[in-house]
């Protein structure tokens, strides 16, 4: 059983389940002060399922990029839980979680608001349910994302996350057929990602998993 959560955006997400079954899921606002009730939410969810902390076999956490405080709190909480339970900790980039929620074959681009006109972004090619990275994780202006994207986008594009109109319009101006899905990360999409990382020997520990803070260009 996997405990998964991401607090890197304005909407926190928490789920418990296995690779192919969501046992419980909830969403919450990551407002100031949410640090005090993330753990109670986890305890409440496990309690409603008739489960205890001893039933948790692994912890998955969104490591960012995103809101600085949210990234820090989420990773620190996950580290504490994994260390206390002596279970594996799997760190999943928040942009990966976004892309994993889309089943569209072809190219998916995850985008999150980085403030001050900048965006966190990463691109993937979905091939038979497997996401293969096409770019690095980056913090760029919309025009820079489009300039980089036209080099490898060879078909329809699905943009998921928090994309401004200027980004979508710029892709269309390049003749790229683009579909925008306004969405934020879902913990349910972390469950199969975590399972694959565990099966592939890519699990981390409370020591090895670190936050992803992408620096804005200066």
Protein backbone atom coordinates (compact mmCIF):
# COMPACT_ATOMS: atom_id res chain seq x y z
CA UNK A 1 0.00 0.00 0.00
CA UNK A 2 1.31 3.39 -1.07
CA UNK A 3 0.76 6.72 0.65
CA UNK A 4 1.14 9.50 -1.94
CA UNK A 5 0.86 13.26 -1.74
CA UNK A 6 1.92 16.46 -3.49
CA UNK A 7 1.78 19.95 -1.95
CA UNK A 8 3.75 21.84 -4.60
CA UNK A 9 0.83 23.78 -6.13
CA UNK A 10 -2.13 25.76 -4.82
CA UNK A 11 -4.09 22.50 -4.54
CA UNK A 12 -2.66 19.77 -2.37
CA UNK A 13 -3.52 16.18 -3.22
CA UNK A 14 -3.37 13.04 -1.08
CA UNK A 15 -4.14 9.41 -1.93
CA UNK A 16 -3.74 5.91 -0.56
CA UNK A 17 -3.78 2.86 -2.78
CA UNK A 18 -1.88 0.41 -4.94
CA UNK A 19 -0.60 0.62 -8.51
CA UNK A 20 -4.00 -0.27 -9.93
CA UNK A 21 -6.45 0.71 -7.21
CA UNK A 22 -7.18 4.03 -5.48
CA UNK A 23 -8.47 3.31 -1.98
CA UNK A 24 -9.00 6.96 -0.98
CA UNK A 25 -8.18 10.39 -2.34
CA UNK A 26 -8.67 13.97 -1.24
CA UNK A 27 -7.69 17.51 -2.21
CA UNK A 28 -6.98 20.55 -0.06
CA UNK A 29 -5.82 24.13 -0.37
CA UNK A 30 -2.14 24.60 0.39
CA UNK A 31 -2.76 27.83 2.25
CA UNK A 32 -0.48 29.30 4.87
CA UNK A 33 -0.62 27.05 7.91
CA UNK A 34 -1.37 23.81 6.04
CA UNK A 35 1.81 22.39 7.57
CA UNK A 36 -0.14 21.78 10.75
CA UNK A 37 -2.87 19.65 9.26
CA UNK A 38 -1.20 17.59 6.54
CA UNK A 39 -0.35 14.87 9.03
CA UNK A 40 -3.86 14.88 10.58
CA UNK A 41 -5.31 14.50 7.08
CA UNK A 42 -3.10 11.50 6.47
CA UNK A 43 -4.07 9.96 9.81
CA UNK A 44 -7.77 10.61 9.11
CA UNK A 45 -7.60 9.00 5.67
CA UNK A 46 -5.88 5.90 6.99
CA UNK A 47 -8.39 5.72 9.83
CA UNK A 48 -11.38 5.87 7.48
CA UNK A 49 -9.89 2.95 5.59
CA UNK A 50 -9.41 0.97 8.78
CA UNK A 51 -5.66 1.18 8.24
CA UNK A 52 -2.77 2.27 10.40
CA UNK A 53 0.70 3.55 9.71
CA UNK A 54 2.03 -0.01 9.88
CA UNK A 55 0.00 -0.82 6.74
CA UNK A 56 1.97 1.69 4.65
CA UNK A 57 4.59 -0.07 2.52
CA UNK A 58 5.96 2.96 0.69
CA UNK A 59 5.62 6.75 0.57
CA UNK A 60 5.54 8.80 -2.63
CA UNK A 61 5.93 12.58 -2.62
CA UNK A 62 5.89 15.29 -5.25
CA UNK A 63 9.29 16.97 -5.08
CA UNK A 64 8.54 20.06 -7.17
CA UNK A 65 9.08 22.37 -8.86
CA UNK A 66 6.35 24.58 -7.52
CA UNK A 67 5.53 26.80 -4.58
CA UNK A 68 8.67 27.00 -2.42
CA UNK A 69 6.91 26.45 0.89
CA UNK A 70 4.73 23.69 -0.50
CA UNK A 71 7.70 21.82 -1.93
CA UNK A 72 9.64 22.14 1.31
CA UNK A 73 6.75 21.05 3.53
CA UNK A 74 5.74 18.11 1.34
CA UNK A 75 9.24 16.66 1.08
CA UNK A 76 10.04 17.24 4.76
CA UNK A 77 6.80 15.53 5.82
CA UNK A 78 7.44 12.58 3.51
CA UNK A 79 10.97 12.20 4.85
CA UNK A 80 9.69 12.16 8.42
CA UNK A 81 7.04 9.53 7.65
CA UNK A 82 9.38 7.28 5.67
CA UNK A 83 12.07 7.50 8.33
CA UNK A 84 9.61 6.81 11.14
CA UNK A 85 8.11 3.80 9.34
CA UNK A 86 11.42 2.62 7.81
CA UNK A 87 9.80 2.28 4.38
CA UNK A 88 11.03 3.36 0.92
CA UNK A 89 10.48 6.96 -0.13
CA UNK A 90 9.88 7.70 -3.81
CA UNK A 91 10.33 11.28 -4.98
CA UNK A 92 8.38 12.16 -8.13
CA UNK A 93 8.80 15.45 -10.02
CA UNK A 94 5.50 17.31 -9.97
CA UNK A 95 5.68 17.85 -13.74
CA UNK A 96 5.87 14.05 -14.19
CA UNK A 97 2.72 13.64 -12.10
CA UNK A 98 0.86 16.06 -14.37
CA UNK A 99 1.93 14.25 -17.53
CA UNK A 100 1.08 10.83 -16.06
CA UNK A 101 -2.56 11.84 -15.82
CA UNK A 102 -2.93 12.04 -19.60
CA UNK A 103 -3.41 8.90 -21.70
CA UNK A 104 -2.91 10.65 -25.04
CA UNK A 105 -0.39 8.95 -27.30
CA UNK A 106 2.14 11.45 -28.61
CA UNK A 107 3.67 14.50 -26.96
CA UNK A 108 2.53 15.92 -23.64
CA UNK A 109 3.93 19.09 -22.09
CA UNK A 110 3.46 19.78 -18.38
CA UNK A 111 3.38 23.44 -17.38
CA UNK A 112 3.09 25.15 -13.99
CA UNK A 113 3.04 28.83 -13.09
CA UNK A 114 6.43 29.96 -11.76
CA UNK A 115 5.24 33.57 -11.26
CA UNK A 116 6.67 36.77 -12.79
CA UNK A 117 5.82 35.63 -16.30
CA UNK A 118 7.82 32.42 -16.05
CA UNK A 119 6.71 28.80 -16.33
CA UNK A 120 8.01 25.47 -15.09
CA UNK A 121 7.83 23.05 -18.01
CA UNK A 122 8.85 19.61 -19.26
CA UNK A 123 7.88 17.58 -22.33
CA UNK A 124 7.28 13.86 -22.75
CA UNK A 125 6.39 11.35 -25.45
CA UNK A 126 3.75 8.85 -24.37
CA UNK A 127 4.44 5.50 -26.04
CA UNK A 128 2.15 2.63 -25.05
CA UNK A 129 1.60 4.10 -21.59
CA UNK A 130 5.26 4.85 -20.93
CA UNK A 131 6.35 8.48 -20.55
CA UNK A 132 9.71 9.17 -22.15
CA UNK A 133 11.24 12.60 -21.38
CA UNK A 134 11.88 14.84 -24.37
CA UNK A 135 13.32 17.77 -22.44
CA UNK A 136 14.92 18.76 -19.18
CA UNK A 137 12.87 20.32 -16.39
CA UNK A 138 13.12 24.05 -16.94
CA UNK A 139 11.93 27.44 -15.77
CA UNK A 140 11.45 29.56 -18.90
CA UNK A 141 9.40 32.34 -20.44
CA UNK A 142 6.56 31.18 -22.74
CA UNK A 143 8.44 32.27 -25.89
CA UNK A 144 11.49 30.26 -24.81
CA UNK A 145 9.36 27.16 -24.24
CA UNK A 146 7.90 27.45 -27.74
CA UNK A 147 11.33 28.03 -29.32
CA UNK A 148 12.65 24.89 -27.62
CA UNK A 149 9.51 22.87 -28.34
CA UNK A 150 9.40 23.36 -32.11
CA UNK A 151 12.65 21.41 -32.35
CA UNK A 152 11.08 18.13 -31.25
CA UNK A 153 7.29 18.51 -31.54
CA UNK A 154 6.40 16.49 -34.62
CA UNK A 155 2.65 16.10 -34.20
CA UNK A 156 -0.32 17.10 -32.03
CA UNK A 157 0.58 18.48 -28.62
CA UNK A 158 -1.30 18.19 -25.32
CA UNK A 159 -0.43 20.89 -22.78
CA UNK A 160 -1.51 20.10 -19.23
CA UNK A 161 -1.30 22.21 -16.10
CA UNK A 162 -1.36 25.98 -15.75
CA UNK A 163 -0.73 27.42 -19.22
CA UNK A 164 -1.35 31.09 -20.10
CA UNK A 165 -3.08 31.98 -23.36
CA UNK A 166 0.16 33.45 -24.70
CA UNK A 167 1.81 30.00 -24.63
CA UNK A 168 -1.05 28.20 -26.36
CA UNK A 169 -1.40 30.96 -28.97
CA UNK A 170 2.34 30.88 -29.67
CA UNK A 171 2.28 27.13 -30.35
CA UNK A 172 -0.69 27.60 -32.69
CA UNK A 173 1.18 30.40 -34.50
CA UNK A 174 3.91 27.82 -35.22
CA UNK A 175 1.34 25.57 -36.90
CA UNK A 176 1.24 23.08 -34.00
CA UNK A 177 -2.10 21.47 -33.23
CA UNK A 178 -2.40 21.95 -29.48
CA UNK A 179 -4.98 20.89 -26.88
CA UNK A 180 -4.90 22.51 -23.45
CA UNK A 181 -6.09 20.65 -20.35
CA UNK A 182 -6.25 22.88 -17.29
CA UNK A 183 -5.36 20.59 -14.41
CA UNK A 184 -3.26 20.30 -11.27
CA UNK A 185 -1.43 17.20 -9.99
CA UNK A 186 -3.51 14.26 -8.74
CA UNK A 187 -2.13 11.89 -6.12
CA UNK A 188 -3.92 8.98 -7.81
CA UNK A 189 -1.52 9.37 -10.76
CA UNK A 190 1.43 9.00 -8.39
CA UNK A 191 0.46 5.46 -7.39
CA UNK A 192 1.42 3.64 -10.64
CA UNK A 193 4.47 5.89 -11.05
CA UNK A 194 5.64 4.96 -7.56
CA UNK A 195 5.03 1.27 -8.18
CA UNK A 196 7.09 1.32 -11.39
CA UNK A 197 9.95 3.10 -9.64
CA UNK A 198 9.86 0.59 -6.81
CA UNK A 199 9.82 -2.32 -9.26
CA UNK A 200 12.67 -0.77 -11.23
CA UNK A 201 14.86 -0.36 -8.18
CA UNK A 202 14.56 3.44 -8.29
CA UNK A 203 13.18 3.96 -4.81
CA UNK A 204 14.92 6.41 -2.55
CA UNK A 205 15.18 6.89 1.18
CA UNK A 206 14.43 9.63 3.69
CA UNK A 207 18.01 10.77 3.16
CA UNK A 208 18.40 10.53 -0.61
CA UNK A 209 15.17 12.19 -1.79
CA UNK A 210 15.57 15.96 -2.17
CA UNK A 211 13.33 18.83 -3.31
CA UNK A 212 13.49 20.15 -6.87
CA UNK A 213 13.84 23.93 -6.86
CA UNK A 214 14.31 25.19 -10.42
CA UNK A 215 16.02 28.55 -10.47
CA UNK A 216 14.56 31.31 -12.58
CA UNK A 217 17.03 32.72 -15.15
CA UNK A 218 18.60 36.01 -14.07
